[in-house]
Amino acid sequence: MSKLIESIKIKAKLLQKLKLKKDPHFKLKNAYQKHFFVCDEHYIRFLGYELSNPEILATGRNWAHPLNASSLETIKNRIRLKNKRT
């Protein structure tokens, strides 16, 4: 897992350098950030879930294409409720 996090950090630094250089192709390279984001176990815990939670396991790693859509809807509903309370 730490190799994955390190890889993500390196990619983020490279993208930041491209942005600073005002690369004309930067918008194309950076467009993916409007469509998804990468998170680790800390964010999942912040949402109120443990990694061993059955809903998290049933949903899978790719929430854009979940393994179980109803589990993802349950997670989204819980997140919405949490946001309303704060």
PDB file of N, CA and C in Angstrom:
ATOM      1  N   MET A   1       0.814  -1.184   0.000  1.00  0.00           N
ATOM      2  CA  MET A   1       0.000   0.000   0.000  1.00  0.00           C
ATOM      3  C   MET A   1       0.863   1.256   0.000  1.00  0.00           C
ATOM      4  N   SER A   2       1.981   1.237   0.705  1.00  0.00           N
ATOM      5  CA  SER A   2       2.837   2.419   0.768  1.00  0.00           C
ATOM      6  C   SER A   2       3.451   2.732  -0.595  1.00  0.00           C
ATOM      7  N   LYS A   3       3.716   1.713  -1.420  1.00  0.00           N
ATOM      8  CA  LYS A   3       4.251   1.964  -2.760  1.00  0.00           C
ATOM      9  C   LYS A   3       3.213   2.691  -3.603  1.00  0.00           C
ATOM     10  N   LEU A   4       1.937   2.322  -3.451  1.00  0.00           N
ATOM     11  CA  LEU A   4       0.870   2.985  -4.185  1.00  0.00           C
ATOM     12  C   LEU A   4       0.762   4.447  -3.767  1.00  0.00           C
ATOM     13  N   ILE A   5       0.803   4.705  -2.486  1.00  0.00           N
ATOM     14  CA  ILE A   5       0.720   6.075  -1.985  1.00  0.00           C
ATOM     15  C   ILE A   5       1.910   6.887  -2.481  1.00  0.00           C
ATOM     16  N   GLU A   6       3.083   6.308  -2.450  1.00  0.00           N
ATOM     17  CA  GLU A   6       4.288   6.998  -2.926  1.00  0.00           C
ATOM     18  C   GLU A   6       4.160   7.317  -4.419  1.00  0.00           C
ATOM     19  N   SER A   7       3.619   6.381  -5.185  1.00  0.00           N
ATOM     20  CA  SER A   7       3.421   6.588  -6.614  1.00  0.00           C
ATOM     21  C   SER A   7       2.452   7.743  -6.861  1.00  0.00           C
ATOM     22  N   ILE A   8       1.393   7.807  -6.092  1.00  0.00           N
ATOM     23  CA  ILE A   8       0.406   8.880  -6.233  1.00  0.00           C
ATOM     24  C   ILE A   8       1.043  10.224  -5.887  1.00  0.00           C
ATOM     25  N   LYS A   9       1.851  10.254  -4.847  1.00  0.00           N
ATOM     26  CA  LYS A   9       2.525  11.496  -4.464  1.00  0.00           C
ATOM     27  C   LYS A   9       3.455  11.980  -5.568  1.00  0.00           C
ATOM     28  N   ILE A  10       4.184  11.054  -6.196  1.00  0.00           N
ATOM     29  CA  ILE A  10       5.099  11.417  -7.282  1.00  0.00           C
ATOM     30  C   ILE A  10       4.315  11.984  -8.459  1.00  0.00           C
ATOM     31  N   LYS A  11       3.204  11.337  -8.815  1.00  0.00           N
ATOM     32  CA  LYS A  11       2.386  11.828  -9.926  1.00  0.00           C
ATOM     33  C   LYS A  11       1.826  13.206  -9.616  1.00  0.00           C
ATOM     34  N   ALA A  12       1.408  13.421  -8.386  1.00  0.00           N
ATOM     35  CA  ALA A  12       0.879  14.731  -7.999  1.00  0.00           C
ATOM     36  C   ALA A  12       1.953  15.809  -8.116  1.00  0.00           C
ATOM     37  N   LYS A  13       3.179  15.492  -7.712  1.00  0.00           N
ATOM     38  CA  LYS A  13       4.279  16.457  -7.826  1.00  0.00           C
ATOM     39  C   LYS A  13       4.573  16.780  -9.293  1.00  0.00           C
ATOM     40  N   LEU A  14       4.559  15.767 -10.142  1.00  0.00           N
ATOM     41  CA  LEU A  14       4.802  16.001 -11.564  1.00  0.00           C
ATOM     42  C   LEU A  14       3.713  16.878 -12.171  1.00  0.00           C
ATOM     43  N   LEU A  15       2.461  16.604 -11.811  1.00  0.00           N
ATOM     44  CA  LEU A  15       1.366  17.425 -12.314  1.00  0.00           C
ATOM     45  C   LEU A  15       1.495  18.864 -11.829  1.00  0.00           C
ATOM     46  N   GLN A  16       1.909  19.046 -10.596  1.00  0.00           N
ATOM     47  CA  GLN A  16       2.100  20.387 -10.057  1.00  0.00           C
ATOM     48  C   GLN A  16       3.190  21.135 -10.821  1.00  0.00           C
ATOM     49  N   LYS A  17       4.280  20.430 -11.155  1.00  0.00           N
ATOM     50  CA  LYS A  17       5.349  21.055 -11.924  1.00  0.00           C
ATOM     51  C   LYS A  17       4.864  21.470 -13.309  1.00  0.00           C
ATOM     52  N   LEU A  18       4.060  20.614 -13.955  1.00  0.00           N
ATOM     53  CA  LEU A  18       3.509  20.955 -15.257  1.00  0.00           C
ATOM     54  C   LEU A  18       2.632  22.198 -15.165  1.00  0.00           C
ATOM     55  N   LYS A  19       1.848  22.256 -14.117  1.00  0.00           N
ATOM     56  CA  LYS A  19       0.967  23.401 -13.922  1.00  0.00           C
ATOM     57  C   LYS A  19       1.788  24.685 -13.761  1.00  0.00           C
ATOM     58  N   LEU A  20       2.862  24.619 -12.997  1.00  0.00           N
ATOM     59  CA  LEU A  20       3.706  25.789 -12.773  1.00  0.00           C
ATOM     60  C   LEU A  20       4.408  26.245 -14.045  1.00  0.00           C
ATOM     61  N   LYS A  21       4.728  25.299 -14.922  1.00  0.00           N
ATOM     62  CA  LYS A  21       5.403  25.635 -16.174  1.00  0.00           C
ATOM     63  C   LYS A  21       4.432  26.195 -17.210  1.00  0.00           C
ATOM     64  N   LYS A  22       3.151  26.152 -16.919  1.00  0.00           N
ATOM     65  CA  LYS A  22       2.117  26.623 -17.853  1.00  0.00           C
ATOM     66  C   LYS A  22       2.171  25.835 -19.160  1.00  0.00           C
ATOM     67  N   ASP A  23       2.338  24.547 -19.042  1.00  0.00           N
ATOM     68  CA  ASP A  23       2.360  23.657 -20.197  1.00  0.00           C
ATOM     69  C   ASP A  23       1.024  23.778 -20.942  1.00  0.00           C
ATOM     70  N   PRO A  24       1.038  24.032 -22.275  1.00  0.00           N
ATOM     71  CA  PRO A  24      -0.211  24.191 -23.019  1.00  0.00           C
ATOM     72  C   PRO A  24      -1.078  22.931 -23.021  1.00  0.00           C
ATOM     73  N   HIS A  25      -0.500  21.775 -22.781  1.00  0.00           N
ATOM     74  CA  HIS A  25      -1.261  20.525 -22.761  1.00  0.00           C
ATOM     75  C   HIS A  25      -1.697  20.141 -21.353  1.00  0.00           C
ATOM     76  N   PHE A  26      -1.441  21.002 -20.406  1.00  0.00           N
ATOM     77  CA  PHE A  26      -1.730  20.665 -19.012  1.00  0.00           C
ATOM     78  C   PHE A  26      -3.199  20.365 -18.785  1.00  0.00           C
ATOM     79  N   LYS A  27      -4.092  21.119 -19.416  1.00  0.00           N
ATOM     80  CA  LYS A  27      -5.516  20.902 -19.189  1.00  0.00           C
ATOM     81  C   LYS A  27      -5.918  19.492 -19.592  1.00  0.00           C
ATOM     82  N   LEU A  28      -5.362  18.984 -20.668  1.00  0.00           N
ATOM     83  CA  LEU A  28      -5.674  17.621 -21.073  1.00  0.00           C
ATOM     84  C   LEU A  28      -5.126  16.604 -20.077  1.00  0.00           C
ATOM     85  N   LYS A  29      -3.924  16.854 -19.588  1.00  0.00           N
ATOM     86  CA  LYS A  29      -3.314  15.937 -18.640  1.00  0.00           C
ATOM     87  C   LYS A  29      -4.005  16.001 -17.290  1.00  0.00           C
ATOM     88  N   ASN A  30      -4.590  17.146 -16.961  1.00  0.00           N
ATOM     89  CA  ASN A  30      -5.181  17.367 -15.654  1.00  0.00           C
ATOM     90  C   ASN A  30      -6.692  17.116 -15.653  1.00  0.00           C
ATOM     91  N   ALA A  31      -7.272  16.833 -16.809  1.00  0.00           N
ATOM     92  CA  ALA A  31      -8.727  16.721 -16.910  1.00  0.00           C
ATOM     93  C   ALA A  31      -9.305  15.615 -16.028  1.00  0.00           C
ATOM     94  N   TYR A  32      -8.555  14.558 -15.791  1.00  0.00           N
ATOM     95  CA  TYR A  32      -9.080  13.457 -14.988  1.00  0.00           C
ATOM     96  C   TYR A  32      -9.474  13.899 -13.592  1.00  0.00           C
ATOM     97  N   GLN A  33      -8.869  14.958 -13.067  1.00  0.00           N
ATOM     98  CA  GLN A  33      -9.157  15.378 -11.704  1.00  0.00           C
ATOM     99  C   GLN A  33     -10.587  15.867 -11.544  1.00  0.00           C
ATOM    100  N   LYS A  34     -11.255  16.186 -12.629  1.00  0.00           N
ATOM    101  CA  LYS A  34     -12.644  16.603 -12.554  1.00  0.00           C
ATOM    102  C   LYS A  34     -13.582  15.406 -12.461  1.00  0.00           C
ATOM    103  N   HIS A  35     -13.081  14.223 -12.715  1.00  0.00           N
ATOM    104  CA  HIS A  35     -13.940  13.048 -12.798  1.00  0.00           C
ATOM    105  C   HIS A  35     -13.780  12.066 -11.649  1.00  0.00           C
ATOM    106  N   PHE A  36     -12.658  12.053 -11.002  1.00  0.00           N
ATOM    107  CA  PHE A  36     -12.459  11.144  -9.881  1.00  0.00           C
ATOM    108  C   PHE A  36     -11.314  11.625  -9.010  1.00  0.00           C
ATOM    109  N   PHE A  37     -11.207  11.005  -7.869  1.00  0.00           N
ATOM    110  CA  PHE A  37     -10.067  11.281  -7.008  1.00  0.00           C
ATOM    111  C   PHE A  37      -9.649   9.986  -6.351  1.00  0.00           C
ATOM    112  N   VAL A  38      -8.430   9.964  -5.879  1.00  0.00           N
ATOM    113  CA  VAL A  38      -7.878   8.786  -5.226  1.00  0.00           C
ATOM    114  C   VAL A  38      -7.830   9.066  -3.729  1.00  0.00           C
ATOM    115  N   CYS A  39      -8.286   8.103  -2.950  1.00  0.00           N
ATOM    116  CA  CYS A  39      -8.221   8.281  -1.498  1.00  0.00           C
ATOM    117  C   CYS A  39      -7.612   7.027  -0.865  1.00  0.00           C
ATOM    118  N   ASP A  40      -7.212   7.162   0.384  1.00  0.00           N
ATOM    119  CA  ASP A  40      -6.658   6.018   1.098  1.00  0.00           C
ATOM    120  C   ASP A  40      -7.566   5.664   2.269  1.00  0.00           C
ATOM    121  N   GLU A  41      -7.091   4.774   3.114  1.00  0.00           N
ATOM    122  CA  GLU A  41      -7.926   4.290   4.219  1.00  0.00           C
ATOM    123  C   GLU A  41      -8.291   5.381   5.219  1.00  0.00           C
ATOM    124  N   HIS A  42      -7.493   6.432   5.301  1.00  0.00           N
ATOM    125  CA  HIS A  42      -7.797   7.519   6.233  1.00  0.00           C
ATOM    126  C   HIS A  42      -9.093   8.235   5.844  1.00  0.00           C
ATOM    127  N   TYR A  43      -9.289   8.430   4.550  1.00  0.00           N
ATOM    128  CA  TYR A  43     -10.523   9.081   4.093  1.00  0.00           C
ATOM    129  C   TYR A  43     -11.728   8.182   4.349  1.00  0.00           C
ATOM    130  N   ILE A  44     -11.576   6.899   4.104  1.00  0.00           N
ATOM    131  CA  ILE A  44     -12.676   5.955   4.353  1.00  0.00           C
ATOM    132  C   ILE A  44     -13.053   5.997   5.830  1.00  0.00           C
ATOM    133  N   ARG A  45     -12.066   6.030   6.695  1.00  0.00           N
ATOM    134  CA  ARG A  45     -12.347   6.118   8.138  1.00  0.00           C
ATOM    135  C   ARG A  45     -12.983   7.457   8.494  1.00  0.00           C
ATOM    136  N   PHE A  46     -12.558   8.518   7.836  1.00  0.00           N
ATOM    137  CA  PHE A  46     -13.159   9.830   8.065  1.00  0.00           C
ATOM    138  C   PHE A  46     -14.651   9.809   7.728  1.00  0.00           C
ATOM    139  N   LEU A  47     -15.013   9.028   6.727  1.00  0.00           N
ATOM    140  CA  LEU A  47     -16.420   8.904   6.349  1.00  0.00           C
ATOM    141  C   LEU A  47     -17.224   8.088   7.360  1.00  0.00           C
ATOM    142  N   GLY A  48     -16.528   7.460   8.285  1.00  0.00           N
ATOM    143  CA  GLY A  48     -17.210   6.694   9.323  1.00  0.00           C
ATOM    144  C   GLY A  48     -17.222   5.197   9.091  1.00  0.00           C
ATOM    145  N   TYR A  49     -16.373   4.741   8.200  1.00  0.00           N
ATOM    146  CA  TYR A  49     -16.320   3.312   7.881  1.00  0.00           C
ATOM    147  C   TYR A  49     -14.950   2.739   8.219  1.00  0.00           C
ATOM    148  N   GLU A  50     -14.947   1.484   8.550  1.00  0.00           N
ATOM    149  CA  GLU A  50     -13.702   0.729   8.655  1.00  0.00           C
ATOM    150  C   GLU A  50     -13.514  -0.018   7.336  1.00  0.00           C
ATOM    151  N   LEU A  51     -12.297  -0.333   7.008  1.00  0.00           N
ATOM    152  CA  LEU A  51     -12.028  -1.031   5.744  1.00  0.00           C
ATOM    153  C   LEU A  51     -12.642  -2.421   5.713  1.00  0.00           C
ATOM    154  N   SER A  52     -12.889  -2.989   6.871  1.00  0.00           N
ATOM    155  CA  SER A  52     -13.473  -4.327   6.937  1.00  0.00           C
ATOM    156  C   SER A  52     -14.997  -4.301   6.915  1.00  0.00           C
ATOM    157  N   ASN A  53     -15.610  -3.115   6.813  1.00  0.00           N
ATOM    158  CA  ASN A  53     -17.060  -2.985   6.782  1.00  0.00           C
ATOM    159  C   ASN A  53     -17.619  -3.723   5.563  1.00  0.00           C
ATOM    160  N   PRO A  54     -18.678  -4.517   5.744  1.00  0.00           N
ATOM    161  CA  PRO A  54     -19.243  -5.274   4.617  1.00  0.00           C
ATOM    162  C   PRO A  54     -19.688  -4.401   3.441  1.00  0.00           C
ATOM    163  N   GLU A  55     -20.186  -3.193   3.716  1.00  0.00           N
ATOM    164  CA  GLU A  55     -20.607  -2.305   2.625  1.00  0.00           C
ATOM    165  C   GLU A  55     -19.412  -1.844   1.792  1.00  0.00           C
ATOM    166  N   ILE A  56     -18.322  -1.536   2.469  1.00  0.00           N
ATOM    167  CA  ILE A  56     -17.106  -1.119   1.763  1.00  0.00           C
ATOM    168  C   ILE A  56     -16.567  -2.270   0.927  1.00  0.00           C
ATOM    169  N   LEU A  57     -16.518  -3.451   1.509  1.00  0.00           N
ATOM    170  CA  LEU A  57     -16.009  -4.626   0.790  1.00  0.00           C
ATOM    171  C   LEU A  57     -16.897  -4.972  -0.400  1.00  0.00           C
ATOM    172  N   ALA A  58     -18.229  -4.860  -0.211  1.00  0.00           N
ATOM    173  CA  ALA A  58     -19.157  -5.191  -1.300  1.00  0.00           C
ATOM    174  C   ALA A  58     -19.074  -4.184  -2.440  1.00  0.00           C
ATOM    175  N   THR A  59     -18.775  -2.932  -2.107  1.00  0.00           N
ATOM    176  CA  THR A  59     -18.676  -1.890  -3.126  1.00  0.00           C
ATOM    177  C   THR A  59     -17.420  -2.059  -3.973  1.00  0.00           C
ATOM    178  N   GLY A  60     -16.326  -2.449  -3.344  1.00  0.00           N
ATOM    179  CA  GLY A  60     -15.070  -2.625  -4.069  1.00  0.00           C
ATOM    180  C   GLY A  60     -14.257  -1.347  -4.068  1.00  0.00           C
ATOM    181  N   ARG A  61     -13.159  -1.374  -4.781  1.00  0.00           N
ATOM    182  CA  ARG A  61     -12.223  -0.241  -4.786  1.00  0.00           C
ATOM    183  C   ARG A  61     -12.626   0.872  -5.742  1.00  0.00           C
ATOM    184  N   ASN A  62     -13.336   0.554  -6.792  1.00  0.00           N
ATOM    185  CA  ASN A  62     -13.688   1.547  -7.800  1.00  0.00           C
ATOM    186  C   ASN A  62     -15.148   1.959  -7.618  1.00  0.00           C
ATOM    187  N   TRP A  63     -15.366   3.093  -6.988  1.00  0.00           N
ATOM    188  CA  TRP A  63     -16.735   3.533  -6.710  1.00  0.00           C
ATOM    189  C   TRP A  63     -17.418   4.080  -7.953  1.00  0.00           C
ATOM    190  N   ALA A  64     -16.684   4.357  -9.005  1.00  0.00           N
ATOM    191  CA  ALA A  64     -17.291   4.775 -10.262  1.00  0.00           C
ATOM    192  C   ALA A  64     -17.975   3.585 -10.929  1.00  0.00           C
ATOM    193  N   HIS A  65     -17.440   2.404 -10.687  1.00  0.00           N
ATOM    194  CA  HIS A  65     -18.015   1.159 -11.205  1.00  0.00           C
ATOM    195  C   HIS A  65     -18.053   0.146 -10.057  1.00  0.00           C
ATOM    196  N   PRO A  66     -18.998   0.321  -9.123  1.00  0.00           N
ATOM    197  CA  PRO A  66     -19.009  -0.523  -7.926  1.00  0.00           C
ATOM    198  C   PRO A  66     -19.375  -1.971  -8.248  1.00  0.00           C
ATOM    199  N   LEU A  67     -18.863  -2.864  -7.421  1.00  0.00           N
ATOM    200  CA  LEU A  67     -19.218  -4.270  -7.566  1.00  0.00           C
ATOM    201  C   LEU A  67     -20.675  -4.490  -7.164  1.00  0.00           C
ATOM    202  N   ASN A  68     -21.150  -3.695  -6.195  1.00  0.00           N
ATOM    203  CA  ASN A  68     -22.522  -3.807  -5.706  1.00  0.00           C
ATOM    204  C   ASN A  68     -23.089  -2.391  -5.581  1.00  0.00           C
ATOM    205  N   ALA A  69     -23.974  -2.026  -6.498  1.00  0.00           N
ATOM    206  CA  ALA A  69     -24.498  -0.656  -6.542  1.00  0.00           C
ATOM    207  C   ALA A  69     -25.321  -0.304  -5.307  1.00  0.00           C
ATOM    208  N   SER A  70     -26.046  -1.262  -4.748  1.00  0.00           N
ATOM    209  CA  SER A  70     -26.867  -0.945  -3.574  1.00  0.00           C
ATOM    210  C   SER A  70     -25.993  -0.642  -2.353  1.00  0.00           C
ATOM    211  N   SER A  71     -24.854  -1.301  -2.235  1.00  0.00           N
ATOM    212  CA  SER A  71     -23.925  -0.996  -1.142  1.00  0.00           C
ATOM    213  C   SER A  71     -23.382   0.415  -1.289  1.00  0.00           C
ATOM    214  N   LEU A  72     -23.071   0.821  -2.508  1.00  0.00           N
ATOM    215  CA  LEU A  72     -22.580   2.176  -2.739  1.00  0.00           C
ATOM    216  C   LEU A  72     -23.658   3.202  -2.395  1.00  0.00           C
ATOM    217  N   GLU A  73     -24.900   2.921  -2.733  1.00  0.00           N
ATOM    218  CA  GLU A  73     -25.984   3.854  -2.396  1.00  0.00           C
ATOM    219  C   GLU A  73     -26.132   3.993  -0.883  1.00  0.00           C
ATOM    220  N   THR A  74     -25.974   2.893  -0.161  1.00  0.00           N
ATOM    221  CA  THR A  74     -26.027   2.947   1.301  1.00  0.00           C
ATOM    222  C   THR A  74     -24.911   3.823   1.843  1.00  0.00           C
ATOM    223  N   ILE A  75     -23.728   3.676   1.294  1.00  0.00           N
ATOM    224  CA  ILE A  75     -22.583   4.496   1.718  1.00  0.00           C
ATOM    225  C   ILE A  75     -22.861   5.973   1.423  1.00  0.00           C
ATOM    226  N   LYS A  76     -23.344   6.276   0.220  1.00  0.00           N
ATOM    227  CA  LYS A  76     -23.633   7.658  -0.156  1.00  0.00           C
ATOM    228  C   LYS A  76     -24.689   8.273   0.763  1.00  0.00           C
ATOM    229  N   ASN A  77     -25.724   7.504   1.075  1.00  0.00           N
ATOM    230  CA  ASN A  77     -26.770   8.010   1.970  1.00  0.00           C
ATOM    231  C   ASN A  77     -26.214   8.327   3.350  1.00  0.00           C
ATOM    232  N   ARG A  78     -25.339   7.472   3.843  1.00  0.00           N
ATOM    233  CA  ARG A  78     -24.737   7.717   5.153  1.00  0.00           C
ATOM    234  C   ARG A  78     -23.856   8.974   5.123  1.00  0.00           C
ATOM    235  N   ILE A  79     -23.138   9.171   4.028  1.00  0.00           N
ATOM    236  CA  ILE A  79     -22.297  10.361   3.886  1.00  0.00           C
ATOM    237  C   ILE A  79     -23.177  11.609   3.847  1.00  0.00           C
ATOM    238  N   ARG A  80     -24.289  11.543   3.100  1.00  0.00           N
ATOM    239  CA  ARG A  80     -25.198  12.692   3.030  1.00  0.00           C
ATOM    240  C   ARG A  80     -25.752  13.035   4.411  1.00  0.00           C
ATOM    241  N   LEU A  81     -26.151  12.010   5.165  1.00  0.00           N
ATOM    242  CA  LEU A  81     -26.672  12.247   6.517  1.00  0.00           C
ATOM    243  C   LEU A  81     -25.611  12.880   7.409  1.00  0.00           C
ATOM    244  N   LYS A  82     -24.389  12.401   7.292  1.00  0.00           N
ATOM    245  CA  LYS A  82     -23.300  12.952   8.084  1.00  0.00           C
ATOM    246  C   LYS A  82     -23.070  14.415   7.741  1.00  0.00           C
ATOM    247  N   ASN A  83     -23.136  14.757   6.450  1.00  0.00           N
ATOM    248  CA  ASN A  83     -22.929  16.142   6.006  1.00  0.00           C
ATOM    249  C   ASN A  83     -24.051  17.061   6.475  1.00  0.00           C
ATOM    250  N   LYS A  84     -25.276  16.559   6.546  1.00  0.00           N
ATOM    251  CA  LYS A  84     -26.391  17.375   7.014  1.00  0.00           C
ATOM    252  C   LYS A  84     -26.245  17.726   8.479  1.00  0.00           C
ATOM    253  N   ARG A  85     -25.673  16.828   9.252  1.00  0.00           N
ATOM    254  CA  ARG A  85     -25.512  17.054  10.687  1.00  0.00           C
ATOM    255  C   ARG A  85     -24.435  18.073  10.995  1.00  0.00           C
ATOM    256  N   THR A  86     -23.465  18.219  10.092  1.00  0.00           N
ATOM    257  CA  THR A  86     -22.354  19.150  10.371  1.00  0.00           C
ATOM    258  C   THR A  86     -22.610  20.520   9.805  1.00  0.00           C
TER     259      THR A  86
END
